[in-house]
Amino acid sequence: DTPNFVCPVAPCDATAYVVYTSGSTGRPKGIAGGHRGVVQYL
């Protein structure tokens, strides 16, 4: 159990994820998205 776990503090515009295009028009491209954009969308 980790009852006292505290998440590290990071800026809200930090990079949250990298997802990739299919690569159908060339090599797959990684697209880096931030926490702020996802939270605004949610």
All heavy atoms as atom14 arrays in JSON, in Angstrom:
{
  "sequence": "DTPNFVCPVAPCDATAYVVYTSGSTGRPKGIAGGHRGVVQYL",
  "atom14_mask": [
    [1, 1, 1, 1, 1, 1, 1, 1, 0, 0, 0, 0, 0, 0],
    [1, 1, 1, 1, 1, 1, 1, 0, 0, 0, 0, 0, 0, 0],
    [1, 1, 1, 1, 1, 1, 1, 0, 0, 0, 0, 0, 0, 0],
    [1, 1, 1, 1, 1, 1, 1, 1, 0, 0, 0, 0, 0, 0],
    [1, 1, 1, 1, 1, 1, 1, 1, 1, 1, 1, 0, 0, 0],
    [1, 1, 1, 1, 1, 1, 1, 0, 0, 0, 0, 0, 0, 0],
    [1, 1, 1, 1, 1, 1, 0, 0, 0, 0, 0, 0, 0, 0],
    [1, 1, 1, 1, 1, 1, 1, 0, 0, 0, 0, 0, 0, 0],
    [1, 1, 1, 1, 1, 1, 1, 0, 0, 0, 0, 0, 0, 0],
    [1, 1, 1, 1, 1, 0, 0, 0, 0, 0, 0, 0, 0, 0],
    [1, 1, 1, 1, 1, 1, 1, 0, 0, 0, 0, 0, 0, 0],
    [1, 1, 1, 1, 1, 1, 0, 0, 0, 0, 0, 0, 0, 0],
    [1, 1, 1, 1, 1, 1, 1, 1, 0, 0, 0, 0, 0, 0],
    [1, 1, 1, 1, 1, 0, 0, 0, 0, 0, 0, 0, 0, 0],
    [1, 1, 1, 1, 1, 1, 1, 0, 0, 0, 0, 0, 0, 0],
    [1, 1, 1, 1, 1, 0, 0, 0, 0, 0, 0, 0, 0, 0],
    [1, 1, 1, 1, 1, 1, 1, 1, 1, 1, 1, 1, 0, 0],
    [1, 1, 1, 1, 1, 1, 1, 0, 0, 0, 0, 0, 0, 0],
    [1, 1, 1, 1, 1, 1, 1, 0, 0, 0, 0, 0, 0, 0],
    [1, 1, 1, 1, 1, 1, 1, 1, 1, 1, 1, 1, 0, 0],
    [1, 1, 1, 1, 1, 1, 1, 0, 0, 0, 0, 0, 0, 0],
    [1, 1, 1, 1, 1, 1, 0, 0, 0, 0, 0, 0, 0, 0],
    [1, 1, 1, 1, 0, 0, 0, 0, 0, 0, 0, 0, 0, 0],
    [1, 1, 1, 1, 1, 1, 0, 0, 0, 0, 0, 0, 0, 0],
    [1, 1, 1, 1, 1, 1, 1, 0, 0, 0, 0, 0, 0, 0],
    [1, 1, 1, 1, 0, 0, 0, 0, 0, 0, 0, 0, 0, 0],
    [1, 1, 1, 1, 1, 1, 1, 1, 1, 1, 1, 0, 0, 0],
    [1, 1, 1, 1, 1, 1, 1, 0, 0, 0, 0, 0, 0, 0],
    [1, 1, 1, 1, 1, 1, 1, 1, 1, 0, 0, 0, 0, 0],
    [1, 1, 1, 1, 0, 0, 0, 0, 0, 0, 0, 0, 0, 0],
    [1, 1, 1, 1, 1, 1, 1, 1, 0, 0, 0, 0, 0, 0],
    [1, 1, 1, 1, 1, 0, 0, 0, 0, 0, 0, 0, 0, 0],
    [1, 1, 1, 1, 0, 0, 0, 0, 0, 0, 0, 0, 0, 0],
    [1, 1, 1, 1, 0, 0, 0, 0, 0, 0, 0, 0, 0, 0],
    [1, 1, 1, 1, 1, 1, 1, 1, 1, 1, 0, 0, 0, 0],
    [1, 1, 1, 1, 1, 1, 1, 1, 1, 1, 1, 0, 0, 0],
    [1, 1, 1, 1, 0, 0, 0, 0, 0, 0, 0, 0, 0, 0],
    [1, 1, 1, 1, 1, 1, 1, 0, 0, 0, 0, 0, 0, 0],
    [1, 1, 1, 1, 1, 1, 1, 0, 0, 0, 0, 0, 0, 0],
    [1, 1, 1, 1, 1, 1, 1, 1, 1, 0, 0, 0, 0, 0],
    [1, 1, 1, 1, 1, 1, 1, 1, 1, 1, 1, 1, 0, 0],
    [1, 1, 1, 1, 1, 1, 1, 1, 0, 0, 0, 0, 0, 0]
  ],
  "atom14_positions": [
    [[0.84, -1.2, 0.0], [0.0, 0.0, 0.0], [0.88, 1.25, 0.0], [1.99, 1.25, 0.53], [-0.91, -0.01, 1.23], [-2.04, 1.0, 1.11], [-2.26, 1.5, -0.01], [-2.68, 1.28, 2.12], [0.0, 0.0, 0.0], [0.0, 0.0, 0.0], [0.0, 0.0, 0.0], [0.0, 0.0, 0.0], [0.0, 0.0, 0.0], [0.0, 0.0, 0.0]],
    [[0.36, 2.34, -0.61], [1.12, 3.6, -0.66], [0.2, 4.74, -0.23], [-0.06, 5.66, -1.0], [1.65, 3.87, -2.08], [0.54, 3.81, -3.01], [2.68, 2.85, -2.48], [0.0, 0.0, 0.0], [0.0, 0.0, 0.0], [0.0, 0.0, 0.0], [0.0, 0.0, 0.0], [0.0, 0.0, 0.0], [0.0, 0.0, 0.0], [0.0, 0.0, 0.0]],
    [[-0.29, 4.72, 1.01], [-1.28, 5.72, 1.42], [-0.74, 7.14, 1.46], [-1.5, 8.09, 1.37], [-1.68, 5.24, 2.82], [-0.5, 4.47, 3.31], [0.06, 3.8, 2.09], [0.0, 0.0, 0.0], [0.0, 0.0, 0.0], [0.0, 0.0, 0.0], [0.0, 0.0, 0.0], [0.0, 0.0, 0.0], [0.0, 0.0, 0.0], [0.0, 0.0, 0.0]],
    [[0.58, 7.29, 1.59], [1.16, 8.63, 1.71], [1.81, 9.11, 0.42], [2.54, 10.09, 0.42], [2.2, 8.63, 2.84], [1.58, 8.27, 4.19], [0.5, 8.77, 4.52], [2.26, 7.42, 4.95], [0.0, 0.0, 0.0], [0.0, 0.0, 0.0], [0.0, 0.0, 0.0], [0.0, 0.0, 0.0], [0.0, 0.0, 0.0], [0.0, 0.0, 0.0]],
    [[1.52, 8.42, -0.69], [2.13, 8.82, -1.96], [1.62, 10.2, -2.38], [0.43, 10.49, -2.34], [1.8, 7.81, -3.05], [2.27, 8.24, -4.41], [3.6, 8.14, -4.75], [1.38, 8.79, -5.32], [4.05, 8.56, -5.99], [1.82, 9.2, -6.57], [3.16, 9.09, -6.9], [0.0, 0.0, 0.0], [0.0, 0.0, 0.0], [0.0, 0.0, 0.0]],
    [[2.55, 11.06, -2.75], [2.2, 12.4, -3.24], [2.8, 12.57, -4.63], [4.01, 12.33, -4.82], [2.73, 13.5, -2.3], [2.42, 14.88, -2.86], [2.13, 13.35, -0.9], [0.0, 0.0, 0.0], [0.0, 0.0, 0.0], [0.0, 0.0, 0.0], [0.0, 0.0, 0.0], [0.0, 0.0, 0.0], [0.0, 0.0, 0.0], [0.0, 0.0, 0.0]],
    [[1.99, 12.96, -5.6], [2.49, 13.14, -6.96], [3.52, 14.26, -7.02], [3.38, 15.27, -6.32], [1.34, 13.49, -7.91], [0.1, 12.21, -8.09], [0.0, 0.0, 0.0], [0.0, 0.0, 0.0], [0.0, 0.0, 0.0], [0.0, 0.0, 0.0], [0.0, 0.0, 0.0], [0.0, 0.0, 0.0], [0.0, 0.0, 0.0], [0.0, 0.0, 0.0]],
    [[4.54, 14.12, -7.85], [5.47, 15.22, -8.04], [4.75, 16.45, -8.59], [3.78, 16.34, -9.34], [6.46, 14.67, -9.08], [6.29, 13.19, -9.03], [4.87, 12.94, -8.65], [0.0, 0.0, 0.0], [0.0, 0.0, 0.0], [0.0, 0.0, 0.0], [0.0, 0.0, 0.0], [0.0, 0.0, 0.0], [0.0, 0.0, 0.0], [0.0, 0.0, 0.0]],
    [[5.22, 17.62, -8.19], [4.62, 18.86, -8.68], [5.28, 19.25, -10.0], [6.51, 19.3, -10.1], [4.79, 19.99, -7.65], [4.23, 21.3, -8.2], [4.11, 19.62, -6.34], [0.0, 0.0, 0.0], [0.0, 0.0, 0.0], [0.0, 0.0, 0.0], [0.0, 0.0, 0.0], [0.0, 0.0, 0.0], [0.0, 0.0, 0.0], [0.0, 0.0, 0.0]],
    [[4.46, 19.5, -11.01], [4.98, 19.88, -12.32], [4.07, 20.95, -12.9], [2.89, 21.06, -12.51], [5.03, 18.67, -13.25], [0.0, 0.0, 0.0], [0.0, 0.0, 0.0], [0.0, 0.0, 0.0], [0.0, 0.0, 0.0], [0.0, 0.0, 0.0], [0.0, 0.0, 0.0], [0.0, 0.0, 0.0], [0.0, 0.0, 0.0], [0.0, 0.0, 0.0]],
    [[4.56, 21.78, -13.81], [3.71, 22.83, -14.39], [2.56, 22.24, -15.18], [2.68, 21.15, -15.76], [4.68, 23.61, -15.29], [5.8, 22.67, -15.56], [5.93, 21.81, -14.34], [0.0, 0.0, 0.0], [0.0, 0.0, 0.0], [0.0, 0.0, 0.0], [0.0, 0.0, 0.0], [0.0, 0.0, 0.0], [0.0, 0.0, 0.0], [0.0, 0.0, 0.0]],
    [[1.43, 22.96, -15.24], [0.25, 22.45, -15.92], [0.43, 22.37, -17.43], [-0.35, 21.7, -18.11], [-0.97, 23.29, -15.58], [-0.85, 25.02, -16.11], [0.0, 0.0, 0.0], [0.0, 0.0, 0.0], [0.0, 0.0, 0.0], [0.0, 0.0, 0.0], [0.0, 0.0, 0.0], [0.0, 0.0, 0.0], [0.0, 0.0, 0.0], [0.0, 0.0, 0.0]],
    [[1.46, 23.05, -17.96], [1.69, 22.98, -19.41], [2.79, 21.97, -19.75], [3.29, 21.94, -20.87], [2.04, 24.35, -19.98], [3.27, 24.99, -19.33], [3.78, 24.41, -18.36], [3.69, 26.06, -19.79], [0.0, 0.0, 0.0], [0.0, 0.0, 0.0], [0.0, 0.0, 0.0], [0.0, 0.0, 0.0], [0.0, 0.0, 0.0], [0.0, 0.0, 0.0]],
    [[3.15, 21.11, -18.79], [4.14, 20.08, -19.06], [3.61, 19.1, -20.1], [2.4, 18.92, -20.25], [4.49, 19.34, -17.77], [0.0, 0.0, 0.0], [0.0, 0.0, 0.0], [0.0, 0.0, 0.0], [0.0, 0.0, 0.0], [0.0, 0.0, 0.0], [0.0, 0.0, 0.0], [0.0, 0.0, 0.0], [0.0, 0.0, 0.0], [0.0, 0.0, 0.0]],
    [[4.51, 18.44, -20.8], [4.11, 17.42, -21.77], [3.52, 16.23, -21.02], [4.12, 15.71, -20.07], [5.31, 16.95, -22.6], [5.83, 18.08, -23.32], [4.9, 15.87, -23.6], [0.0, 0.0, 0.0], [0.0, 0.0, 0.0], [0.0, 0.0, 0.0], [0.0, 0.0, 0.0], [0.0, 0.0, 0.0], [0.0, 0.0, 0.0], [0.0, 0.0, 0.0]],
    [[2.35, 15.78, -21.46], [1.66, 14.66, -20.81], [1.83, 13.36, -21.58], [1.92, 12.3, -20.97], [0.17, 14.98, -20.68], [0.0, 0.0, 0.0], [0.0, 0.0, 0.0], [0.0, 0.0, 0.0], [0.0, 0.0, 0.0], [0.0, 0.0, 0.0], [0.0, 0.0, 0.0], [0.0, 0.0, 0.0], [0.0, 0.0, 0.0], [0.0, 0.0, 0.0]],
    [[1.87, 13.44, -22.9], [1.86, 12.21, -23.7], [2.47, 12.45, -25.06], [2.61, 13.59, -25.52], [0.42, 11.71, -23.88], [-0.44, 12.65, -24.71], [-0.5, 12.51, -26.1], [-1.17, 13.67, -24.12], [-1.27, 13.38, -26.86], [-1.94, 14.54, -24.88], [-1.99, 14.39, -26.25], [-2.73, 15.26, -27.01], [0.0, 0.0, 0.0], [0.0, 0.0, 0.0]],
    [[2.83, 11.35, -25.73], [3.23, 11.37, -27.14], [2.45, 10.27, -27.85], [2.53, 9.1, -27.45], [4.74, 11.14, -27.32], [5.1, 11.12, -28.81], [5.55, 12.23, -26.61], [0.0, 0.0, 0.0], [0.0, 0.0, 0.0], [0.0, 0.0, 0.0], [0.0, 0.0, 0.0], [0.0, 0.0, 0.0], [0.0, 0.0, 0.0], [0.0, 0.0, 0.0]],
    [[1.66, 10.63, -28.85], [0.98, 9.64, -29.69], [1.46, 9.81, -31.12], [1.99, 10.86, -31.49], [-0.57, 9.79, -29.62], [-1.07, 9.5, -28.22], [-1.01, 11.17, -30.08], [0.0, 0.0, 0.0], [0.0, 0.0, 0.0], [0.0, 0.0, 0.0], [0.0, 0.0, 0.0], [0.0, 0.0, 0.0], [0.0, 0.0, 0.0], [0.0, 0.0, 0.0]],
    [[1.24, 8.77, -31.92], [1.84, 8.73, -33.26], [0.79, 8.66, -34.36], [-0.26, 8.02, -34.21], [2.79, 7.53, -33.38], [4.16, 7.86, -32.83], [4.37, 7.92, -31.46], [5.22, 8.18, -33.67], [5.6, 8.26, -30.94], [6.46, 8.51, -33.17], [6.65, 8.56, -31.81], [7.87, 8.92, -31.3], [0.0, 0.0, 0.0], [0.0, 0.0, 0.0]],
    [[1.12, 9.34, -35.47], [0.3, 9.21, -36.67], [0.53, 7.82, -37.28], [1.45, 7.1, -36.9], [0.67, 10.28, -37.7], [2.05, 10.1, -38.08], [0.5, 11.68, -37.13], [0.0, 0.0, 0.0], [0.0, 0.0, 0.0], [0.0, 0.0, 0.0], [0.0, 0.0, 0.0], [0.0, 0.0, 0.0], [0.0, 0.0, 0.0], [0.0, 0.0, 0.0]],
    [[-0.31, 7.45, -38.24], [-0.24, 6.11, -38.81], [1.02, 5.89, -39.63], [1.49, 4.76, -39.79], [-1.46, 5.86, -39.7], [-1.44, 6.73, -40.82], [0.0, 0.0, 0.0], [0.0, 0.0, 0.0], [0.0, 0.0, 0.0], [0.0, 0.0, 0.0], [0.0, 0.0, 0.0], [0.0, 0.0, 0.0], [0.0, 0.0, 0.0], [0.0, 0.0, 0.0]],
    [[1.57, 6.96, -40.18], [2.73, 6.82, -41.06], [2.36, 6.48, -42.48], [3.23, 6.12, -43.29], [0.0, 0.0, 0.0], [0.0, 0.0, 0.0], [0.0, 0.0, 0.0], [0.0, 0.0, 0.0], [0.0, 0.0, 0.0], [0.0, 0.0, 0.0], [0.0, 0.0, 0.0], [0.0, 0.0, 0.0], [0.0, 0.0, 0.0], [0.0, 0.0, 0.0]],
    [[1.08, 6.63, -42.83], [0.63, 6.27, -44.18], [1.22, 7.19, -45.25], [1.3, 6.82, -46.42], [-0.9, 6.31, -44.25], [-1.39, 7.59, -43.88], [0.0, 0.0, 0.0], [0.0, 0.0, 0.0], [0.0, 0.0, 0.0], [0.0, 0.0, 0.0], [0.0, 0.0, 0.0], [0.0, 0.0, 0.0], [0.0, 0.0, 0.0], [0.0, 0.0, 0.0]],
    [[1.63, 8.39, -44.86], [2.22, 9.33, -45.83], [3.71, 9.5, -45.61], [4.32, 10.46, -46.07], [1.53, 10.7, -45.74], [1.67, 11.21, -44.39], [0.05, 10.59, -46.08], [0.0, 0.0, 0.0], [0.0, 0.0, 0.0], [0.0, 0.0, 0.0], [0.0, 0.0, 0.0], [0.0, 0.0, 0.0], [0.0, 0.0, 0.0], [0.0, 0.0, 0.0]],
    [[4.33, 8.58, -44.91], [5.76, 8.66, -44.6], [6.01, 7.99, -43.27], [5.25, 7.15, -42.83], [0.0, 0.0, 0.0], [0.0, 0.0, 0.0], [0.0, 0.0, 0.0], [0.0, 0.0, 0.0], [0.0, 0.0, 0.0], [0.0, 0.0, 0.0], [0.0, 0.0, 0.0], [0.0, 0.0, 0.0], [0.0, 0.0, 0.0], [0.0, 0.0, 0.0]],
    [[7.08, 8.38, -42.59], [7.35, 7.78, -41.3], [6.36, 8.32, -40.27], [5.9, 9.46, -40.37], [8.78, 8.06, -40.86], [9.07, 9.5, -40.48], [10.43, 9.61, -39.81], [10.7, 10.97, -39.37], [11.66, 11.3, -38.51], [12.43, 10.37, -38.0], [11.84, 12.55, -38.15], [0.0, 0.0, 0.0], [0.0, 0.0, 0.0], [0.0, 0.0, 0.0]],
    [[5.98, 7.5, -39.27], [5.05, 7.97, -38.24], [5.62, 9.19, -37.52], [6.82, 9.26, -37.25], [4.93, 6.77, -37.29], [5.34, 5.6, -38.1], [6.37, 6.09, -39.06], [0.0, 0.0, 0.0], [0.0, 0.0, 0.0], [0.0, 0.0, 0.0], [0.0, 0.0, 0.0], [0.0, 0.0, 0.0], [0.0, 0.0, 0.0], [0.0, 0.0, 0.0]],
    [[4.76, 10.15, -37.22], [5.18, 11.37, -36.52], [4.64, 11.35, -35.11], [3.44, 11.14, -34.89], [4.69, 12.62, -37.26], [5.3, 12.8, -38.64], [4.94, 14.14, -39.24], [3.48, 14.21, -39.66], [3.18, 13.32, -40.79], [0.0, 0.0, 0.0], [0.0, 0.0, 0.0], [0.0, 0.0, 0.0], [0.0, 0.0, 0.0], [0.0, 0.0, 0.0]],
    [[5.52, 11.59, -34.15], [5.1, 11.69, -32.76], [4.55, 13.07, -32.46], [5.19, 14.08, -32.78], [0.0, 0.0, 0.0], [0.0, 0.0, 0.0], [0.0, 0.0, 0.0], [0.0, 0.0, 0.0], [0.0, 0.0, 0.0], [0.0, 0.0, 0.0], [0.0, 0.0, 0.0], [0.0, 0.0, 0.0], [0.0, 0.0, 0.0], [0.0, 0.0, 0.0]],
    [[3.37, 13.13, -31.87], [2.74, 14.4, -31.52], [2.7, 14.51, -30.01], [2.11, 13.66, -29.32], [1.32, 14.49, -32.11], [1.39, 14.44, -33.64], [0.63, 15.78, -31.65], [0.05, 14.32, -34.31], [0.0, 0.0, 0.0], [0.0, 0.0, 0.0], [0.0, 0.0, 0.0], [0.0, 0.0, 0.0], [0.0, 0.0, 0.0], [0.0, 0.0, 0.0]],
    [[3.35, 15.53, -29.47], [3.45, 15.72, -28.03], [2.34, 16.65, -27.55], [2.23, 17.78, -28.02], [4.82, 16.3, -27.67], [0.0, 0.0, 0.0], [0.0, 0.0, 0.0], [0.0, 0.0, 0.0], [0.0, 0.0, 0.0], [0.0, 0.0, 0.0], [0.0, 0.0, 0.0], [0.0, 0.0, 0.0], [0.0, 0.0, 0.0], [0.0, 0.0, 0.0]],
    [[1.53, 16.16, -26.62], [0.43, 16.95, -26.08], [0.64, 17.27, -24.62], [1.31, 16.51, -23.89], [0.0, 0.0, 0.0], [0.0, 0.0, 0.0], [0.0, 0.0, 0.0], [0.0, 0.0, 0.0], [0.0, 0.0, 0.0], [0.0, 0.0, 0.0], [0.0, 0.0, 0.0], [0.0, 0.0, 0.0], [0.0, 0.0, 0.0], [0.0, 0.0, 0.0]],
    [[0.08, 18.39, -24.17], [0.28, 18.85, -22.8], [-0.9, 18.61, -21.9], [-2.03, 18.4, -22.34], [0.0, 0.0, 0.0], [0.0, 0.0, 0.0], [0.0, 0.0, 0.0], [0.0, 0.0, 0.0], [0.0, 0.0, 0.0], [0.0, 0.0, 0.0], [0.0, 0.0, 0.0], [0.0, 0.0, 0.0], [0.0, 0.0, 0.0], [0.0, 0.0, 0.0]],
    [[-0.65, 18.64, -20.6], [-1.72, 18.49, -19.61], [-2.8, 19.55, -19.8], [-4.0, 19.26, -19.73], [-1.13, 18.61, -18.19], [-0.42, 17.39, -17.73], [-1.02, 16.39, -17.02], [0.88, 17.01, -17.86], [-0.15, 15.44, -16.73], [1.02, 15.8, -17.23], [0.0, 0.0, 0.0], [0.0, 0.0, 0.0], [0.0, 0.0, 0.0], [0.0, 0.0, 0.0]],
    [[-2.39, 20.8, -20.03], [-3.36, 21.89, -20.08], [-4.4, 21.67, -21.18], [-5.6, 21.86, -20.96], [-2.65, 23.23, -20.3], [-3.59, 24.42, -20.48], [-2.83, 25.72, -20.61], [-2.21, 26.08, -19.35], [-1.26, 27.02, -19.24], [-0.81, 27.63, -20.33], [-0.76, 27.32, -18.06], [0.0, 0.0, 0.0], [0.0, 0.0, 0.0], [0.0, 0.0, 0.0]],
    [[-3.96, 21.26, -22.36], [-4.9, 21.06, -23.46], [-5.88, 19.95, -23.18], [-7.06, 20.05, -23.51], [0.0, 0.0, 0.0], [0.0, 0.0, 0.0], [0.0, 0.0, 0.0], [0.0, 0.0, 0.0], [0.0, 0.0, 0.0], [0.0, 0.0, 0.0], [0.0, 0.0, 0.0], [0.0, 0.0, 0.0], [0.0, 0.0, 0.0], [0.0, 0.0, 0.0]],
    [[-5.4, 18.85, -22.57], [-6.31, 17.74, -22.25], [-7.32, 18.16, -21.19], [-8.52, 17.87, -21.3], [-5.51, 16.51, -21.78], [-6.46, 15.4, -21.33], [-4.61, 16.0, -22.9], [0.0, 0.0, 0.0], [0.0, 0.0, 0.0], [0.0, 0.0, 0.0], [0.0, 0.0, 0.0], [0.0, 0.0, 0.0], [0.0, 0.0, 0.0], [0.0, 0.0, 0.0]],
    [[-6.86, 18.84, -20.14], [-7.77, 19.27, -19.08], [-8.82, 20.22, -19.63], [-10.01, 20.12, -19.31], [-6.97, 19.93, -17.93], [-7.91, 20.6, -16.94], [-6.13, 18.88, -17.22], [0.0, 0.0, 0.0], [0.0, 0.0, 0.0], [0.0, 0.0, 0.0], [0.0, 0.0, 0.0], [0.0, 0.0, 0.0], [0.0, 0.0, 0.0], [0.0, 0.0, 0.0]],
    [[-8.41, 21.14, -20.5], [-9.38, 22.06, -21.11], [-10.4, 21.3, -21.92], [-11.6, 21.59, -21.88], [-8.63, 23.06, -22.0], [-9.5, 24.14, -22.61], [-9.88, 23.83, -24.06], [-9.33, 22.94, -24.69], [-10.87, 24.55, -24.57], [0.0, 0.0, 0.0], [0.0, 0.0, 0.0], [0.0, 0.0, 0.0], [0.0, 0.0, 0.0], [0.0, 0.0, 0.0]],
    [[-9.96, 20.27, -22.64], [-10.89, 19.48, -23.44], [-11.83, 18.67, -22.55], [-13.03, 18.57, -22.82], [-10.13, 18.54, -24.38], [-11.06, 17.74, -25.25], [-11.54, 18.28, -26.44], [-11.5, 16.48, -24.86], [-12.44, 17.57, -27.22], [-12.4, 15.78, -25.65], [-12.86, 16.33, -26.82], [-13.76, 15.63, -27.59], [0.0, 0.0, 0.0], [0.0, 0.0, 0.0]],
    [[-11.31, 18.07, -21.49], [-12.17, 17.3, -20.59], [-13.23, 18.17, -19.94], [-14.37, 17.74, -19.74], [-11.32, 16.61, -19.52], [-10.32, 15.55, -20.01], [-9.52, 14.99, -18.84], [-11.02, 14.45, -20.78], [0.0, 0.0, 0.0], [0.0, 0.0, 0.0], [0.0, 0.0, 0.0], [0.0, 0.0, 0.0], [0.0, 0.0, 0.0], [0.0, 0.0, 0.0]]
  ]
}
